[in-house]
Amino acid sequence: MRYFDYEKVAHEANIAAGDLDRLCRIIRREFPTDEMMYELHVSRACMAVKQGRAALPKSTESVPVPTA
């Protein structure tokens, strides 16, 4: 079940697929079992980029992604 269409918002915000994947992995670490909270936070992060209130680093390679 999908709660939020964050992929559409990411597309509208011109967030590259790789950047979205990295963002999703970072947020998933915060909400490993709560799908609604996970999708809400991904959606809100994408909306912030879309509205110019936040920006992703030029290369998300510099953003560490927690493992495990």
N, C-alpha and C. Protein backbone atom coordinates (compact mmCIF):
# COMPACT_ATOMS: atom_id res chain seq x y z
N MET A 1 0.85 -1.18 0.00
CA MET A 1 0.00 0.00 0.00
C MET A 1 0.89 1.24 0.00
N ARG A 2 0.57 2.20 -0.84
CA ARG A 2 1.30 3.46 -0.89
C ARG A 2 0.46 4.53 -0.20
N TYR A 3 1.10 5.30 0.65
CA TYR A 3 0.42 6.38 1.37
C TYR A 3 0.62 7.72 0.67
N PHE A 4 1.82 7.95 0.14
CA PHE A 4 2.16 9.23 -0.48
C PHE A 4 2.86 8.98 -1.80
N ASP A 5 2.57 9.79 -2.80
CA ASP A 5 3.19 9.65 -4.11
C ASP A 5 4.46 10.51 -4.15
N TYR A 6 5.46 10.11 -3.36
CA TYR A 6 6.68 10.91 -3.27
C TYR A 6 7.49 10.85 -4.56
N GLU A 7 7.32 9.79 -5.36
CA GLU A 7 8.06 9.71 -6.63
C GLU A 7 7.61 10.81 -7.59
N LYS A 8 6.33 11.12 -7.59
CA LYS A 8 5.82 12.21 -8.44
C LYS A 8 6.40 13.54 -7.99
N VAL A 9 6.42 13.78 -6.70
CA VAL A 9 6.97 15.02 -6.16
C VAL A 9 8.46 15.11 -6.47
N ALA A 10 9.16 14.00 -6.33
CA ALA A 10 10.60 13.99 -6.64
C ALA A 10 10.83 14.33 -8.12
N HIS A 11 10.00 13.79 -8.98
CA HIS A 11 10.12 14.09 -10.41
C HIS A 11 9.87 15.57 -10.66
N GLU A 12 8.84 16.11 -10.03
CA GLU A 12 8.51 17.54 -10.19
C GLU A 12 9.63 18.43 -9.64
N ALA A 13 10.36 17.93 -8.65
CA ALA A 13 11.45 18.69 -8.04
C ALA A 13 12.78 18.46 -8.76
N ASN A 14 12.74 17.68 -9.84
CA ASN A 14 13.95 17.35 -10.62
C ASN A 14 15.01 16.65 -9.78
N ILE A 15 14.57 15.78 -8.90
CA ILE A 15 15.48 14.97 -8.09
C ILE A 15 15.81 13.73 -8.91
N ALA A 16 17.08 13.51 -9.16
CA ALA A 16 17.53 12.36 -9.94
C ALA A 16 17.17 11.06 -9.22
N ALA A 17 16.97 10.01 -9.99
CA ALA A 17 16.59 8.71 -9.42
C ALA A 17 17.61 8.23 -8.38
N GLY A 18 18.88 8.40 -8.67
CA GLY A 18 19.91 7.97 -7.73
C GLY A 18 19.87 8.76 -6.44
N ASP A 19 19.61 10.06 -6.55
CA ASP A 19 19.50 10.91 -5.36
C ASP A 19 18.28 10.52 -4.54
N LEU A 20 17.18 10.23 -5.22
CA LEU A 20 15.97 9.81 -4.50
C LEU A 20 16.22 8.48 -3.79
N ASP A 21 16.89 7.57 -4.46
CA ASP A 21 17.20 6.28 -3.83
C ASP A 21 18.04 6.48 -2.58
N ARG A 22 19.03 7.32 -2.65
CA ARG A 22 19.90 7.58 -1.51
C ARG A 22 19.11 8.24 -0.37
N LEU A 23 18.27 9.21 -0.71
CA LEU A 23 17.42 9.87 0.29
C LEU A 23 16.50 8.85 0.95
N CYS A 24 15.91 7.97 0.16
CA CYS A 24 15.02 6.95 0.70
C CYS A 24 15.75 6.02 1.67
N ARG A 25 16.96 5.65 1.33
CA ARG A 25 17.73 4.76 2.21
C ARG A 25 18.07 5.45 3.53
N ILE A 26 18.36 6.74 3.47
CA ILE A 26 18.66 7.49 4.69
C ILE A 26 17.42 7.56 5.58
N ILE A 27 16.29 7.89 4.98
CA ILE A 27 15.05 8.02 5.75
C ILE A 27 14.55 6.66 6.24
N ARG A 28 14.77 5.62 5.45
CA ARG A 28 14.35 4.28 5.87
C ARG A 28 15.04 3.88 7.17
N ARG A 29 16.27 4.32 7.32
CA ARG A 29 17.02 4.03 8.55
C ARG A 29 16.29 4.60 9.78
N GLU A 30 15.66 5.73 9.61
CA GLU A 30 14.92 6.36 10.72
C GLU A 30 13.59 5.67 10.99
N PHE A 31 12.99 5.10 9.96
CA PHE A 31 11.66 4.48 10.09
C PHE A 31 11.68 3.09 9.43
N PRO A 32 12.38 2.15 10.04
CA PRO A 32 12.54 0.84 9.40
C PRO A 32 11.25 0.01 9.31
N THR A 33 10.29 0.26 10.17
CA THR A 33 9.08 -0.57 10.17
C THR A 33 7.79 0.21 9.97
N ASP A 34 7.87 1.53 9.95
CA ASP A 34 6.67 2.35 9.82
C ASP A 34 6.59 2.94 8.41
N GLU A 35 5.88 2.24 7.55
CA GLU A 35 5.81 2.64 6.14
C GLU A 35 5.20 4.03 5.95
N MET A 36 4.17 4.35 6.72
CA MET A 36 3.53 5.65 6.57
C MET A 36 4.47 6.79 6.95
N MET A 37 5.16 6.64 8.07
CA MET A 37 6.10 7.69 8.49
C MET A 37 7.26 7.81 7.51
N TYR A 38 7.73 6.69 7.02
CA TYR A 38 8.80 6.69 6.02
C TYR A 38 8.38 7.47 4.78
N GLU A 39 7.24 7.12 4.22
CA GLU A 39 6.78 7.80 3.01
C GLU A 39 6.47 9.27 3.28
N LEU A 40 5.92 9.58 4.44
CA LEU A 40 5.63 10.97 4.79
C LEU A 40 6.91 11.80 4.79
N HIS A 41 7.96 11.29 5.41
CA HIS A 41 9.21 12.04 5.50
C HIS A 41 9.91 12.15 4.15
N VAL A 42 9.84 11.11 3.33
CA VAL A 42 10.40 11.21 1.98
C VAL A 42 9.63 12.26 1.19
N SER A 43 8.32 12.21 1.29
CA SER A 43 7.48 13.18 0.58
C SER A 43 7.77 14.61 1.03
N ARG A 44 7.88 14.80 2.33
CA ARG A 44 8.16 16.15 2.85
C ARG A 44 9.54 16.65 2.42
N ALA A 45 10.52 15.76 2.38
CA ALA A 45 11.86 16.16 1.93
C ALA A 45 11.82 16.57 0.46
N CYS A 46 11.10 15.80 -0.35
CA CYS A 46 10.97 16.14 -1.78
C CYS A 46 10.22 17.46 -1.97
N MET A 47 9.17 17.67 -1.17
CA MET A 47 8.42 18.93 -1.26
C MET A 47 9.30 20.11 -0.88
N ALA A 48 10.15 19.94 0.12
CA ALA A 48 11.04 21.03 0.54
C ALA A 48 12.01 21.39 -0.59
N VAL A 49 12.50 20.39 -1.29
CA VAL A 49 13.38 20.66 -2.44
C VAL A 49 12.59 21.36 -3.53
N LYS A 50 11.41 20.86 -3.82
CA LYS A 50 10.56 21.43 -4.87
C LYS A 50 10.23 22.90 -4.59
N GLN A 51 9.98 23.22 -3.32
CA GLN A 51 9.60 24.59 -2.95
C GLN A 51 10.80 25.50 -2.70
N GLY A 52 12.01 24.95 -2.83
CA GLY A 52 13.21 25.75 -2.65
C GLY A 52 13.59 25.98 -1.20
N ARG A 53 12.97 25.25 -0.29
CA ARG A 53 13.29 25.40 1.14
C ARG A 53 14.45 24.52 1.57
N ALA A 54 14.84 23.59 0.71
CA ALA A 54 15.97 22.70 1.00
C ALA A 54 16.62 22.33 -0.33
N ALA A 55 17.84 21.89 -0.25
CA ALA A 55 18.55 21.46 -1.45
C ALA A 55 19.35 20.21 -1.13
N LEU A 56 19.43 19.33 -2.10
CA LEU A 56 20.29 18.17 -1.96
C LEU A 56 21.71 18.58 -2.31
N PRO A 57 22.69 17.94 -1.73
CA PRO A 57 24.07 18.24 -2.12
C PRO A 57 24.24 18.00 -3.62
N LYS A 58 25.16 18.71 -4.25
CA LYS A 58 25.38 18.52 -5.69
C LYS A 58 25.62 17.06 -6.00
N SER A 59 26.30 16.37 -5.11
CA SER A 59 26.50 14.95 -5.25
C SER A 59 26.14 14.30 -3.92
N THR A 60 25.16 13.42 -3.96
CA THR A 60 24.78 12.76 -2.72
C THR A 60 25.80 11.71 -2.32
N GLU A 61 26.84 11.55 -3.13
CA GLU A 61 27.92 10.64 -2.75
C GLU A 61 28.56 11.09 -1.44
N SER A 62 28.50 12.41 -1.17
CA SER A 62 29.10 12.92 0.06
C SER A 62 28.22 12.70 1.29
N VAL A 63 26.99 12.25 1.07
CA VAL A 63 26.07 12.00 2.17
C VAL A 63 26.19 10.53 2.57
N PRO A 64 26.63 10.27 3.78
CA PRO A 64 26.77 8.86 4.19
C PRO A 64 25.43 8.17 4.33
N VAL A 65 25.36 6.94 3.87
CA VAL A 65 24.15 6.15 4.01
C VAL A 65 24.44 5.06 5.02
N PRO A 66 23.68 5.06 6.11
CA PRO A 66 23.88 4.01 7.12
C PRO A 66 23.64 2.63 6.53
N THR A 67 24.40 1.67 6.95
CA THR A 67 24.21 0.30 6.50
C THR A 67 23.60 -0.52 7.63
N ALA A 68 23.00 -1.61 7.24
CA ALA A 68 22.38 -2.56 8.18
C ALA A 68 21.04 -2.15 8.61
